[in-house]
Structure formats: structure tokens, C-alpha cells
Amino acid sequence: MAVSIEDIKRLKSLTGVGLTEAKTALTEADGDFDKALEAMRKKGLTRAEKRGERVASEGIIETYSHSGRVGVVVEVNCETDFVARTEEFKALAHDLALHIAAMNPQYVNADDIPADERERKTGEFTEKAKNEGKPDAMVAQIADGMAKKYFAELCLLDQAFVKDPSTSVGELIKATGAKLGENIVVRRMARLELGVN
């Protein structure tokens, strides 16, 4: 099936790949644009995971204030100053600041959770499972599952993205990194709310 130049250009703009790679993807998908796009996204996310090992020391510090009552500062890093200056990267940083203001994550990712806090909550969930009469053999597994769910709601990268709950913040960052061709990392964040300690 013949592949139109319009589809090639559209696929290129949506995925950030070269024209030849976009044409190849469309040819392999027999001209089915959606199928080609899905294949390119999978390929791009795989590349983004490999990029995760590269150092991200450039980027921007984004600020956001909501009605003067909630303020956010977030450091979003990438590999090059060139990417840090792109509109897409700046839009991602802004969306992350907006998300932090709305969802109030306590940690960037699960690695930031203090071990004593993790142990304390797991202990609480263990007691809860025992009190509910769960089988002894299942208590530890149930408590771990409850703790994982509890902390996922507090970790920025695990939260459902406020503008599109069908994707997590971590997936949004990976997809943007795949499109821009760089490793993107949220280094740190702070959220202040008027009258709240």
C-alpha cells in the first residue's frame, strides 16, 4: 500500500523521529497510521528507558502559583540546554508544577520514602489485615499491597496525571523524553500552601 507524504510528516511530528524512520514504520504497518504510531511509541519508550542511564544535569526550575494560595517550585532536568529551551520541555515542566499544586505529592518517587515511614505504614496495614481476619499466610502479602497502593498515591511519578488520568506522571515524562530524545528527570519539588505547615 502506498504511504502518503502527509502521513509521514504527521508521524514524524508526533514522534520526533526522522522522515525515513516514519516512512519505514508506516510501510511496516501497511499504511495504517494508528498502528504505525503505536509501534513508534513503543520503540520510543524503549529508547527512553535506555536513555534513563544518561546524566540529566541541564533543565529548568519551574514555578507555579495558584490564586496566591498554593505555590510550587519544581526542578526538571534533561541532558542538554537545547532541549531545556524547547517549548515542549517547558510545557512539561509547567504541567508538572500544575499537577503538584493540585495533587500534593509528598515524594518524587518511591526511593524517596524514608525506610522508617515505609515500615510504620506496613506495620499498620499488617495489623489491619490481622484484625479483619485475613489468613495468616496472606497477611504479609496483603499488607505489602496496601502499602504499595498507599505510597503510590503520595509519589509524584506514580500518580495519575491530573490533566489525563489515563496516564501516570512517570509515563508522561517517559513519553516526552522519547519524543525529545533525552533522559528527563524530576530532581526535586516543593509545595507551599497558605496557612498550612
C-alpha atoms as a PDB file:
ATOM      1  CA  MET A   1       0.000   0.000   0.000  1.00  0.00           C
ATOM      2  CA  ALA A   2       1.279   3.480  -0.873  1.00  0.00           C
ATOM      3  CA  VAL A   3       2.201   5.703   2.047  1.00  0.00           C
ATOM      4  CA  SER A   4       1.287   9.392   1.767  1.00  0.00           C
ATOM      5  CA  ILE A   5       3.840  12.103   2.469  1.00  0.00           C
ATOM      6  CA  GLU A   6       1.249  13.817   4.725  1.00  0.00           C
ATOM      7  CA  ASP A   7       1.094  10.727   6.971  1.00  0.00           C
ATOM      8  CA  ILE A   8       4.894  10.513   7.060  1.00  0.00           C
ATOM      9  CA  LYS A   9       5.173  14.174   8.108  1.00  0.00           C
ATOM     10  CA  ARG A  10       2.398  13.768  10.685  1.00  0.00           C
ATOM     11  CA  LEU A  11       4.038  10.679  12.197  1.00  0.00           C
ATOM     12  CA  LYS A  12       7.391  12.486  12.261  1.00  0.00           C
ATOM     13  CA  SER A  13       5.923  15.486  14.106  1.00  0.00           C
ATOM     14  CA  LEU A  14       4.091  13.324  16.654  1.00  0.00           C
ATOM     15  CA  THR A  15       7.042  11.061  17.487  1.00  0.00           C
ATOM     16  CA  GLY A  16      10.101  13.203  16.805  1.00  0.00           C
ATOM     17  CA  VAL A  17      11.738  10.583  14.525  1.00  0.00           C
ATOM     18  CA  GLY A  18      13.284  11.191  11.117  1.00  0.00           C
ATOM     19  CA  LEU A  19      11.348  11.043   7.833  1.00  0.00           C
ATOM     20  CA  THR A  20      12.941   7.738   6.806  1.00  0.00           C
ATOM     21  CA  GLU A  21      12.062   6.076  10.112  1.00  0.00           C
ATOM     22  CA  ALA A  22       8.499   7.407   9.908  1.00  0.00           C
ATOM     23  CA  LYS A  23       8.136   6.096   6.331  1.00  0.00           C
ATOM     24  CA  THR A  24       9.507   2.681   7.353  1.00  0.00           C
ATOM     25  CA  ALA A  25       7.072   2.454  10.264  1.00  0.00           C
ATOM     26  CA  LEU A  26       4.120   3.304   8.018  1.00  0.00           C
ATOM     27  CA  THR A  27       5.256   0.805   5.386  1.00  0.00           C
ATOM     28  CA  GLU A  28       5.609  -1.939   8.016  1.00  0.00           C
ATOM     29  CA  ALA A  29       2.093  -1.093   9.264  1.00  0.00           C
ATOM     30  CA  ASP A  30       0.682  -1.339   5.697  1.00  0.00           C
ATOM     31  CA  GLY A  31      -0.207   2.354   5.742  1.00  0.00           C
ATOM     32  CA  ASP A  32      -2.249   2.068   8.977  1.00  0.00           C
ATOM     33  CA  PHE A  33      -1.358   5.355  10.722  1.00  0.00           C
ATOM     34  CA  ASP A  34      -2.575   4.342  14.196  1.00  0.00           C
ATOM     35  CA  LYS A  35      -0.694   1.040  14.065  1.00  0.00           C
ATOM     36  CA  ALA A  36       2.496   2.825  12.945  1.00  0.00           C
ATOM     37  CA  LEU A  37       2.097   5.435  15.695  1.00  0.00           C
ATOM     38  CA  GLU A  38       1.680   2.740  18.356  1.00  0.00           C
ATOM     39  CA  ALA A  39       4.780   0.895  17.066  1.00  0.00           C
ATOM     40  CA  MET A  40       6.812   4.122  17.117  1.00  0.00           C
ATOM     41  CA  ARG A  41       5.656   4.958  20.651  1.00  0.00           C
ATOM     42  CA  LYS A  42       6.707   1.512  21.907  1.00  0.00           C
ATOM     43  CA  LYS A  43      10.072   1.887  20.200  1.00  0.00           C
ATOM     44  CA  GLY A  44      10.478   5.414  21.584  1.00  0.00           C
ATOM     45  CA  LEU A  45       9.655   4.357  25.153  1.00  0.00           C
ATOM     46  CA  THR A  46      12.221   1.539  24.907  1.00  0.00           C
ATOM     47  CA  ARG A  47      14.821   4.071  23.822  1.00  0.00           C
ATOM     48  CA  ALA A  48      13.752   6.405  26.646  1.00  0.00           C
ATOM     49  CA  GLU A  49      14.369   3.639  29.186  1.00  0.00           C
ATOM     50  CA  LYS A  50      17.892   3.160  27.783  1.00  0.00           C
ATOM     51  CA  ARG A  51      18.407   6.942  27.995  1.00  0.00           C
ATOM     52  CA  GLY A  52      17.490   6.791  31.689  1.00  0.00           C
ATOM     53  CA  GLU A  53      21.099   5.937  32.465  1.00  0.00           C
ATOM     54  CA  ARG A  54      22.425   9.134  30.870  1.00  0.00           C
ATOM     55  CA  VAL A  55      23.163  12.160  33.043  1.00  0.00           C
ATOM     56  CA  ALA A  56      20.494  14.859  33.112  1.00  0.00           C
ATOM     57  CA  SER A  57      22.112  17.996  34.522  1.00  0.00           C
ATOM     58  CA  GLU A  58      20.513  20.726  32.389  1.00  0.00           C
ATOM     59  CA  GLY A  59      16.879  21.806  32.623  1.00  0.00           C
ATOM     60  CA  ILE A  60      14.744  24.430  34.288  1.00  0.00           C
ATOM     61  CA  ILE A  61      13.225  25.350  37.606  1.00  0.00           C
ATOM     62  CA  GLU A  62       9.515  25.948  37.073  1.00  0.00           C
ATOM     63  CA  THR A  63       7.308  27.894  39.464  1.00  0.00           C
ATOM     64  CA  TYR A  64       3.544  27.995  39.683  1.00  0.00           C
ATOM     65  CA  SER A  65       1.189  29.927  41.927  1.00  0.00           C
ATOM     66  CA  HIS A  66      -2.491  29.084  42.223  1.00  0.00           C
ATOM     67  CA  SER A  67      -4.541  32.127  43.283  1.00  0.00           C
ATOM     68  CA  GLY A  68      -1.725  33.229  45.582  1.00  0.00           C
ATOM     69  CA  ARG A  69      -2.690  30.418  47.992  1.00  0.00           C
ATOM     70  CA  VAL A  70      -0.610  27.489  46.691  1.00  0.00           C
ATOM     71  CA  GLY A  71       2.914  27.819  45.335  1.00  0.00           C
ATOM     72  CA  VAL A  72       5.104  25.184  43.681  1.00  0.00           C
ATOM     73  CA  VAL A  73       8.764  25.042  42.708  1.00  0.00           C
ATOM     74  CA  VAL A  74       9.955  22.016  40.712  1.00  0.00           C
ATOM     75  CA  GLU A  75      13.359  21.232  39.176  1.00  0.00           C
ATOM     76  CA  VAL A  76      13.035  19.279  35.917  1.00  0.00           C
ATOM     77  CA  ASN A  77      16.283  18.131  34.323  1.00  0.00           C
ATOM     78  CA  CYS A  78      17.264  16.964  30.845  1.00  0.00           C
ATOM     79  CA  GLU A  79      20.586  16.264  29.139  1.00  0.00           C
ATOM     80  CA  THR A  80      21.106  19.423  27.072  1.00  0.00           C
ATOM     81  CA  ASP A  81      20.397  23.130  27.307  1.00  0.00           C
ATOM     82  CA  PHE A  82      18.975  22.950  23.774  1.00  0.00           C
ATOM     83  CA  VAL A  83      16.123  20.650  24.892  1.00  0.00           C
ATOM     84  CA  ALA A  84      15.610  22.673  28.098  1.00  0.00           C
ATOM     85  CA  ARG A  85      14.756  25.683  25.927  1.00  0.00           C
ATOM     86  CA  THR A  86      12.161  23.897  23.775  1.00  0.00           C
ATOM     87  CA  GLU A  87       8.502  24.762  24.196  1.00  0.00           C
ATOM     88  CA  GLU A  88       7.622  21.093  24.729  1.00  0.00           C
ATOM     89  CA  PHE A  89      10.040  20.737  27.651  1.00  0.00           C
ATOM     90  CA  LYS A  90       8.831  23.994  29.199  1.00  0.00           C
ATOM     91  CA  ALA A  91       5.212  22.835  28.799  1.00  0.00           C
ATOM     92  CA  LEU A  92       6.057  19.563  30.568  1.00  0.00           C
ATOM     93  CA  ALA A  93       7.679  21.444  33.471  1.00  0.00           C
ATOM     94  CA  HIS A  94       4.635  23.718  33.727  1.00  0.00           C
ATOM     95  CA  ASP A  95       2.247  20.745  33.672  1.00  0.00           C
ATOM     96  CA  LEU A  96       4.283  19.063  36.414  1.00  0.00           C
ATOM     97  CA  ALA A  97       4.122  22.191  38.588  1.00  0.00           C
ATOM     98  CA  LEU A  98       0.372  22.425  37.996  1.00  0.00           C
ATOM     99  CA  HIS A  99      -0.036  18.731  38.897  1.00  0.00           C
ATOM    100  CA  ILE A 100       1.988  19.149  42.110  1.00  0.00           C
ATOM    101  CA  ALA A 101      -0.192  22.117  43.121  1.00  0.00           C
ATOM    102  CA  ALA A 102      -3.374  20.102  42.553  1.00  0.00           C
ATOM    103  CA  MET A 103      -2.365  16.642  43.841  1.00  0.00           C
ATOM    104  CA  ASN A 104       0.144  17.498  46.598  1.00  0.00           C
ATOM    105  CA  PRO A 105       2.582  14.565  46.206  1.00  0.00           C
ATOM    106  CA  GLN A 106       4.889  14.071  49.189  1.00  0.00           C
ATOM    107  CA  TYR A 107       7.741  12.338  47.340  1.00  0.00           C
ATOM    108  CA  VAL A 108       9.116  12.402  43.792  1.00  0.00           C
ATOM    109  CA  ASN A 109       9.353   8.598  43.650  1.00  0.00           C
ATOM    110  CA  ALA A 110       9.259   5.510  45.874  1.00  0.00           C
ATOM    111  CA  ASP A 111      13.038   5.716  46.500  1.00  0.00           C
ATOM    112  CA  ASP A 112      12.461   8.991  48.400  1.00  0.00           C
ATOM    113  CA  ILE A 113      10.208   7.378  51.021  1.00  0.00           C
ATOM    114  CA  PRO A 114      12.093   7.034  54.341  1.00  0.00           C
ATOM    115  CA  ALA A 115      12.532   3.394  55.414  1.00  0.00           C
ATOM    116  CA  ASP A 116      11.044   4.059  58.879  1.00  0.00           C
ATOM    117  CA  GLU A 117       7.899   5.569  57.310  1.00  0.00           C
ATOM    118  CA  ARG A 118       7.553   2.589  54.978  1.00  0.00           C
ATOM    119  CA  GLU A 119       7.962   0.162  57.911  1.00  0.00           C
ATOM    120  CA  ARG A 120       5.472   2.100  60.068  1.00  0.00           C
ATOM    121  CA  LYS A 121       2.747   2.053  57.399  1.00  0.00           C
ATOM    122  CA  THR A 122       3.386  -1.602  56.523  1.00  0.00           C
ATOM    123  CA  GLY A 123       3.030  -2.408  60.251  1.00  0.00           C
ATOM    124  CA  GLU A 124      -0.306  -0.547  60.360  1.00  0.00           C
ATOM    125  CA  PHE A 125      -1.573  -2.435  57.325  1.00  0.00           C
ATOM    126  CA  THR A 126      -0.382  -5.747  58.808  1.00  0.00           C
ATOM    127  CA  GLU A 127      -2.411  -5.080  61.959  1.00  0.00           C
ATOM    128  CA  LYS A 128      -5.417  -4.061  59.881  1.00  0.00           C
ATOM    129  CA  ALA A 129      -5.252  -7.272  57.823  1.00  0.00           C
ATOM    130  CA  LYS A 130      -4.972  -9.382  61.000  1.00  0.00           C
ATOM    131  CA  ASN A 131      -7.914  -7.559  62.609  1.00  0.00           C
ATOM    132  CA  GLU A 132     -10.012  -8.216  59.509  1.00  0.00           C
ATOM    133  CA  GLY A 133      -9.382 -11.945  59.967  1.00  0.00           C
ATOM    134  CA  LYS A 134      -7.290 -12.452  56.838  1.00  0.00           C
ATOM    135  CA  PRO A 135      -5.450 -15.811  56.651  1.00  0.00           C
ATOM    136  CA  ASP A 136      -2.027 -15.646  58.360  1.00  0.00           C
ATOM    137  CA  ALA A 137      -0.296 -16.886  55.213  1.00  0.00           C
ATOM    138  CA  MET A 138      -1.732 -13.924  53.260  1.00  0.00           C
ATOM    139  CA  VAL A 139      -1.268 -11.108  55.820  1.00  0.00           C
ATOM    140  CA  ALA A 140       2.235 -10.044  54.681  1.00  0.00           C
ATOM    141  CA  GLN A 141       1.242 -10.043  51.010  1.00  0.00           C
ATOM    142  CA  ILE A 142      -1.949  -8.068  51.712  1.00  0.00           C
ATOM    143  CA  ALA A 143      -0.078  -5.538  53.875  1.00  0.00           C
ATOM    144  CA  ASP A 144       2.591  -5.062  51.182  1.00  0.00           C
ATOM    145  CA  GLY A 145      -0.094  -4.483  48.546  1.00  0.00           C
ATOM    146  CA  MET A 146      -1.895  -1.940  50.732  1.00  0.00           C
ATOM    147  CA  ALA A 147       1.378  -0.116  51.483  1.00  0.00           C
ATOM    148  CA  LYS A 148       2.316  -0.036  47.795  1.00  0.00           C
ATOM    149  CA  LYS A 149      -1.088   1.456  46.893  1.00  0.00           C
ATOM    150  CA  TYR A 150      -0.889   3.975  49.760  1.00  0.00           C
ATOM    151  CA  PHE A 151       2.571   5.232  48.764  1.00  0.00           C
ATOM    152  CA  ALA A 152       1.726   5.281  45.029  1.00  0.00           C
ATOM    153  CA  GLU A 153      -0.821   7.989  45.841  1.00  0.00           C
ATOM    154  CA  LEU A 154       1.912  10.038  47.561  1.00  0.00           C
ATOM    155  CA  CYS A 155       4.646   9.657  44.895  1.00  0.00           C
ATOM    156  CA  LEU A 156       4.613  12.135  42.018  1.00  0.00           C
ATOM    157  CA  LEU A 157       5.762   9.656  39.351  1.00  0.00           C
ATOM    158  CA  ASP A 158       3.117   7.073  40.331  1.00  0.00           C
ATOM    159  CA  GLN A 159       0.163   9.478  40.490  1.00  0.00           C
ATOM    160  CA  ALA A 160      -2.408   9.629  37.687  1.00  0.00           C
ATOM    161  CA  PHE A 161      -1.681  12.809  35.707  1.00  0.00           C
ATOM    162  CA  VAL A 162      -4.222  15.482  36.664  1.00  0.00           C
ATOM    163  CA  LYS A 163      -4.878  16.540  33.035  1.00  0.00           C
ATOM    164  CA  ASP A 164      -5.145  12.939  31.742  1.00  0.00           C
ATOM    165  CA  PRO A 165      -5.866  10.347  34.466  1.00  0.00           C
ATOM    166  CA  SER A 166      -5.393   7.500  31.954  1.00  0.00           C
ATOM    167  CA  THR A 167      -1.616   8.029  32.192  1.00  0.00           C
ATOM    168  CA  SER A 168       0.730   8.383  35.159  1.00  0.00           C
ATOM    169  CA  VAL A 169       3.107  11.311  35.627  1.00  0.00           C
ATOM    170  CA  GLY A 170       6.019   8.890  35.147  1.00  0.00           C
ATOM    171  CA  GLU A 171       4.593   7.708  31.814  1.00  0.00           C
ATOM    172  CA  LEU A 172       4.073  11.325  30.717  1.00  0.00           C
ATOM    173  CA  ILE A 173       7.727  12.119  31.476  1.00  0.00           C
ATOM    174  CA  LYS A 174       8.939   8.999  29.623  1.00  0.00           C
ATOM    175  CA  ALA A 175       6.778   9.789  26.584  1.00  0.00           C
ATOM    176  CA  THR A 176       8.076  13.380  26.470  1.00  0.00           C
ATOM    177  CA  GLY A 177      11.645  12.110  26.867  1.00  0.00           C
ATOM    178  CA  ALA A 178      11.094   9.669  23.991  1.00  0.00           C
ATOM    179  CA  LYS A 179       9.773  12.458  21.779  1.00  0.00           C
ATOM    180  CA  LEU A 180      12.610  14.866  22.655  1.00  0.00           C
ATOM    181  CA  GLY A 181      15.273  12.147  22.542  1.00  0.00           C
ATOM    182  CA  GLU A 182      16.626  12.781  26.040  1.00  0.00           C
ATOM    183  CA  ASN A 183      16.510  11.494  29.595  1.00  0.00           C
ATOM    184  CA  ILE A 184      14.143  13.687  31.652  1.00  0.00           C
ATOM    185  CA  VAL A 185      14.222  13.615  35.459  1.00  0.00           C
ATOM    186  CA  VAL A 186      12.299  15.428  38.181  1.00  0.00           C
ATOM    187  CA  ARG A 187      15.080  16.219  40.636  1.00  0.00           C
ATOM    188  CA  ARG A 188      13.140  17.878  43.476  1.00  0.00           C
ATOM    189  CA  MET A 189       9.997  19.776  44.299  1.00  0.00           C
ATOM    190  CA  ALA A 190       8.445  21.932  46.995  1.00  0.00           C
ATOM    191  CA  ARG A 191       4.811  22.873  47.562  1.00  0.00           C
ATOM    192  CA  LEU A 192       3.666  25.627  49.887  1.00  0.00           C
ATOM    193  CA  GLU A 193       0.080  26.233  50.891  1.00  0.00           C
ATOM    194  CA  LEU A 194      -1.020  29.376  52.690  1.00  0.00           C
ATOM    195  CA  GLY A 195      -1.701  28.682  56.384  1.00  0.00           C
ATOM    196  CA  VAL A 196      -0.624  25.009  56.213  1.00  0.00           C
ATOM    197  CA  ASN A 197       2.599  23.772  57.802  1.00  0.00           C
END
